[in-house]
Each structure stands twice: as structure tokens, then as C-alpha cells.
């Protein structure tokens, strides 16, 4: 075969030495609080350490030594989005919805839409600023339920207000991409210190 070649024909094999990579997480997630527990008395606690796993395209993986976060993240021990002590935020509700529960990964022969628009709706007292610098959308991995895949993000919220209530809505449109399965989606609103407010799960079927 004229197209074949043996290893070494075009130079030495790739090195198996160490690879250094810089990872920037902005904002770095320091704590997560379920929106279902917003009551001002169940704060989340900042993480003190993190583990990282590096996986290549061949699915080979390695676990890095635990990284201490002491002194690297907020020194605030506990945080609650519904607590007056947390800067008077008093987030009342945070709910995720989607306009299409079934979407298609291909346009034919499936007749469902190929996108679903997720809406993360947060309510606070009138005049209160949004606590979030960014809202991220995650898809729960079907093969690894403990893994959330970042699939969208927005920093723009639409504000509506009554005499007593301010409502801020964040929208993110997700397009299916060859991932036929049933998935849960979550939104996480993050403040500038990396405190996250996790929404309810929204199930989506991708055909």
C-alpha cells in the first residue's frame, strides 16, 4: 500500500514526558447551594480543596494531586443567597424551565425542533440587584451522572418589577448535537466570588 508508513518514518514518536497546561476558571466555583433550600438558614460552605482529572481524546486519564484552596478563594466560611447577612440579597426563588422538552439531534426524519430555550427565573425584593455575574447551563452526563457538562452561558438578565417583587430572567438556547438520549439540565447562577445557586433539574429528550 503506497499510503502506508511505519512509525518513525516522519520523525521520532511523540514524547511521553509531562504536559503543562494552564486552566483559567472564571469565576471559580467555590460553593453550591440548591435553590430548593433557599430559606436563609442552610448556608453553603466554601470548598477547601479540589481534585482534578485530566482525560485525553483516547479516554486515558490521570488524577492530579489534591489542590488546597485555602487562601486562594473567598475567606467567607458560609454563604446563603436567601440570607440578609449575605449582603441583603434575599433571593426568594430560582427556577429553570425549558420551552421544548423534546428536541432532535438531526433535522430528518425527526419532526421536533432542534433547539430548546432554557429560562432561569430569579425573584428578589424590589430594587435588589442581581447577585449573579454569570449564569451557566449544564447537561448531566448520561454515562457519568456525577458529571455536569457546560453547554451554555449568559451574563444578561431581563428585569421586570412590581411594587414588591423584582424578577430577573436569563435565557440560554441549547442546540442538540448528535447526542440522542435523555438528559437532565441544570442552571447555576454564580456571583463574583464563585458562590453558585443550583436550579431544579429539567429533563430533555434528544432524538
Protein backbone atom coordinates (compact mmCIF):
# COMPACT_ATOMS: atom_id res chain seq x y z
CA UNK A 1 0.00 0.00 0.00
CA UNK A 2 1.60 3.25 -1.18
CA UNK A 3 -0.18 5.15 1.57
CA UNK A 4 1.21 3.14 4.48
CA UNK A 5 4.15 4.15 6.66
CA UNK A 6 5.92 2.73 9.66
CA UNK A 7 6.40 4.54 12.98
CA UNK A 8 9.43 6.77 12.77
CA UNK A 9 9.11 7.47 9.03
CA UNK A 10 8.27 11.11 9.71
CA UNK A 11 10.40 11.56 12.82
CA UNK A 12 10.56 10.30 16.35
CA UNK A 13 7.36 9.28 18.18
CA UNK A 14 5.70 11.88 20.35
CA UNK A 15 7.24 12.32 23.75
CA UNK A 16 5.60 10.80 26.80
CA UNK A 17 7.00 13.49 29.09
CA UNK A 18 4.92 15.79 31.32
CA UNK A 19 2.45 18.24 29.82
CA UNK A 20 1.86 21.60 31.48
CA UNK A 21 -1.46 23.31 30.93
CA UNK A 22 -2.89 26.47 32.47
CA UNK A 23 -6.60 26.33 33.27
CA UNK A 24 -8.49 29.54 33.96
CA UNK A 25 -11.85 29.18 35.72
CA UNK A 26 -13.65 32.49 35.91
CA UNK A 27 -15.45 32.61 38.17
CA UNK A 28 -14.03 29.69 40.11
CA UNK A 29 -16.93 27.80 41.74
CA UNK A 30 -16.27 27.86 45.48
CA UNK A 31 -19.63 26.59 46.77
CA UNK A 32 -23.01 25.33 45.52
CA UNK A 33 -26.40 25.92 47.12
CA UNK A 34 -29.59 24.18 45.88
CA UNK A 35 -32.32 26.68 45.05
CA UNK A 36 -34.81 24.29 46.63
CA UNK A 37 -33.30 25.01 50.07
CA UNK A 38 -33.50 28.82 49.95
CA UNK A 39 -34.54 29.69 53.49
CA UNK A 40 -31.73 31.76 54.98
CA UNK A 41 -30.70 29.13 57.50
CA UNK A 42 -28.91 26.46 55.40
CA UNK A 43 -25.80 28.16 54.02
CA UNK A 44 -23.34 26.52 51.68
CA UNK A 45 -19.70 26.30 52.73
CA UNK A 46 -16.73 27.27 50.58
CA UNK A 47 -14.64 24.37 49.31
CA UNK A 48 -11.27 23.87 50.98
CA UNK A 49 -9.69 21.67 48.30
CA UNK A 50 -10.31 20.32 44.82
CA UNK A 51 -9.36 17.27 42.76
CA UNK A 52 -8.79 17.40 39.01
CA UNK A 53 -8.83 14.58 36.48
CA UNK A 54 -7.18 15.08 33.07
CA UNK A 55 -8.57 12.96 30.22
CA UNK A 56 -7.17 12.81 26.67
CA UNK A 57 -9.01 12.00 23.43
CA UNK A 58 -8.17 8.31 23.82
CA UNK A 59 -10.00 8.34 27.19
CA UNK A 60 -6.76 7.87 29.12
CA UNK A 61 -6.97 9.79 32.39
CA UNK A 62 -4.84 10.79 35.34
CA UNK A 63 -5.83 12.30 38.68
CA UNK A 64 -3.78 15.28 39.81
CA UNK A 65 -2.84 15.70 43.48
CA UNK A 66 -5.48 17.48 45.57
CA UNK A 67 -5.14 21.25 45.39
CA UNK A 68 -5.68 23.20 48.60
CA UNK A 69 -7.89 26.25 48.10
CA UNK A 70 -7.13 27.80 51.47
CA UNK A 71 -6.11 31.39 50.82
CA UNK A 72 -6.99 31.13 47.11
CA UNK A 73 -10.75 31.57 47.35
CA UNK A 74 -13.13 33.65 49.39
CA UNK A 75 -12.41 33.55 53.10
CA UNK A 76 -16.16 33.59 53.75
CA UNK A 77 -16.89 30.32 55.54
CA UNK A 78 -20.62 30.11 54.81
CA UNK A 79 -22.93 31.76 52.28
CA UNK A 80 -26.68 31.74 51.70
CA UNK A 81 -28.37 33.56 48.81
CA UNK A 82 -31.50 34.00 50.92
CA UNK A 83 -29.78 35.49 53.95
CA UNK A 84 -29.77 39.16 54.87
CA UNK A 85 -26.30 38.54 56.28
CA UNK A 86 -25.11 37.75 52.74
CA UNK A 87 -25.31 41.39 51.69
CA UNK A 88 -29.10 41.68 51.85
CA UNK A 89 -29.60 39.61 48.69
CA UNK A 90 -32.62 37.66 49.90
CA UNK A 91 -33.12 35.61 46.75
CA UNK A 92 -36.61 34.15 47.07
CA UNK A 93 -36.84 31.68 44.19
CA UNK A 94 -34.67 30.44 41.33
CA UNK A 95 -36.41 28.19 38.79
CA UNK A 96 -35.27 26.68 35.49
CA UNK A 97 -37.75 25.93 32.69
CA UNK A 98 -37.45 24.94 29.01
CA UNK A 99 -39.81 25.62 26.12
CA UNK A 100 -39.20 22.28 24.36
CA UNK A 101 -38.98 19.00 26.31
CA UNK A 102 -38.10 17.01 23.18
CA UNK A 103 -35.57 18.11 20.56
CA UNK A 104 -33.83 16.49 17.60
CA UNK A 105 -30.16 15.93 17.05
CA UNK A 106 -30.88 15.68 13.30
CA UNK A 107 -33.40 17.52 11.14
CA UNK A 108 -34.70 14.43 9.33
CA UNK A 109 -36.72 12.29 9.83
CA UNK A 110 -37.36 13.75 13.29
CA UNK A 111 -40.00 16.49 13.25
CA UNK A 112 -39.31 18.01 16.68
CA UNK A 113 -37.41 21.31 17.00
CA UNK A 114 -33.62 21.14 17.15
CA UNK A 115 -33.28 23.67 19.97
CA UNK A 116 -34.71 24.32 23.41
CA UNK A 117 -34.59 27.69 25.14
CA UNK A 118 -33.93 27.49 28.87
CA UNK A 119 -35.13 30.25 31.17
CA UNK A 120 -33.63 30.73 34.63
CA UNK A 121 -36.03 32.94 36.60
CA UNK A 122 -34.88 34.56 39.84
CA UNK A 123 -37.09 36.60 42.18
CA UNK A 124 -35.88 39.13 44.77
CA UNK A 125 -37.31 42.11 46.65
CA UNK A 126 -37.97 45.18 44.50
CA UNK A 127 -34.85 47.24 43.89
CA UNK A 128 -32.42 44.40 44.67
CA UNK A 129 -29.59 43.92 42.19
CA UNK A 130 -28.94 40.53 40.68
CA UNK A 131 -26.34 38.59 42.67
CA UNK A 132 -25.09 36.82 39.54
CA UNK A 133 -22.25 37.86 37.30
CA UNK A 134 -22.94 34.89 35.03
CA UNK A 135 -25.47 32.06 34.66
CA UNK A 136 -24.21 28.76 33.25
CA UNK A 137 -26.25 25.92 31.74
CA UNK A 138 -25.09 22.34 32.32
CA UNK A 139 -26.10 18.98 30.83
CA UNK A 140 -25.84 16.00 33.15
CA UNK A 141 -23.69 13.29 31.56
CA UNK A 142 -25.85 10.24 30.81
CA UNK A 143 -22.92 7.82 31.23
CA UNK A 144 -21.48 9.58 34.30
CA UNK A 145 -24.34 11.09 36.36
CA UNK A 146 -21.92 12.86 38.70
CA UNK A 147 -20.54 14.87 35.78
CA UNK A 148 -22.09 18.13 34.52
CA UNK A 149 -21.07 19.41 31.06
CA UNK A 150 -21.08 23.17 30.48
CA UNK A 151 -23.22 23.79 27.38
CA UNK A 152 -24.15 27.48 27.58
CA UNK A 153 -23.66 30.72 29.46
CA UNK A 154 -25.07 34.24 29.71
CA UNK A 155 -24.41 37.36 31.75
CA UNK A 156 -27.51 39.24 30.57
CA UNK A 157 -30.73 39.20 32.56
CA UNK A 158 -34.07 40.83 31.73
CA UNK A 159 -35.63 42.71 34.67
CA UNK A 160 -39.34 43.19 35.40
CA UNK A 161 -40.67 44.66 38.62
CA UNK A 162 -43.78 45.18 40.70
CA UNK A 163 -44.23 47.19 43.90
CA UNK A 164 -42.80 44.35 45.98
CA UNK A 165 -41.04 41.90 43.66
CA UNK A 166 -38.21 42.07 41.12
CA UNK A 167 -37.98 39.23 38.59
CA UNK A 168 -34.79 38.65 36.59
CA UNK A 169 -34.84 36.15 33.71
CA UNK A 170 -31.80 34.68 31.98
CA UNK A 171 -32.23 32.76 28.72
CA UNK A 172 -29.88 30.29 27.05
CA UNK A 173 -30.68 28.38 23.86
CA UNK A 174 -29.31 24.85 23.57
CA UNK A 175 -28.88 23.06 20.24
CA UNK A 176 -28.72 19.26 20.21
CA UNK A 177 -25.59 17.91 18.55
CA UNK A 178 -25.73 14.18 17.83
CA UNK A 179 -26.45 13.20 21.44
CA UNK A 180 -29.54 11.01 21.28
CA UNK A 181 -30.52 10.26 24.89
CA UNK A 182 -32.50 11.58 27.86
CA UNK A 183 -30.66 14.23 29.89
CA UNK A 184 -31.20 16.44 32.91
CA UNK A 185 -30.20 20.09 32.57
CA UNK A 186 -29.30 22.48 35.40
CA UNK A 187 -28.57 26.19 35.59
CA UNK A 188 -26.08 27.62 38.09
CA UNK A 189 -26.04 31.34 38.86
CA UNK A 190 -22.59 32.47 40.04
CA UNK A 191 -21.64 35.59 41.93
CA UNK A 192 -18.24 37.26 41.62
CA UNK A 193 -16.80 35.15 44.45
CA UNK A 194 -17.82 31.86 42.86
CA UNK A 195 -20.82 31.09 45.05
CA UNK A 196 -23.34 29.15 42.97
CA UNK A 197 -27.11 28.77 43.18
CA UNK A 198 -28.19 25.50 41.52
CA UNK A 199 -31.59 25.26 39.86
CA UNK A 200 -34.00 22.36 39.70
CA UNK A 201 -33.37 19.66 37.10
CA UNK A 202 -35.14 19.97 33.73
CA UNK A 203 -35.38 16.69 31.73
CA UNK A 204 -34.91 16.91 27.95
CA UNK A 205 -35.24 14.05 25.44
CA UNK A 206 -32.92 14.28 22.45
CA UNK A 207 -33.90 12.11 19.46
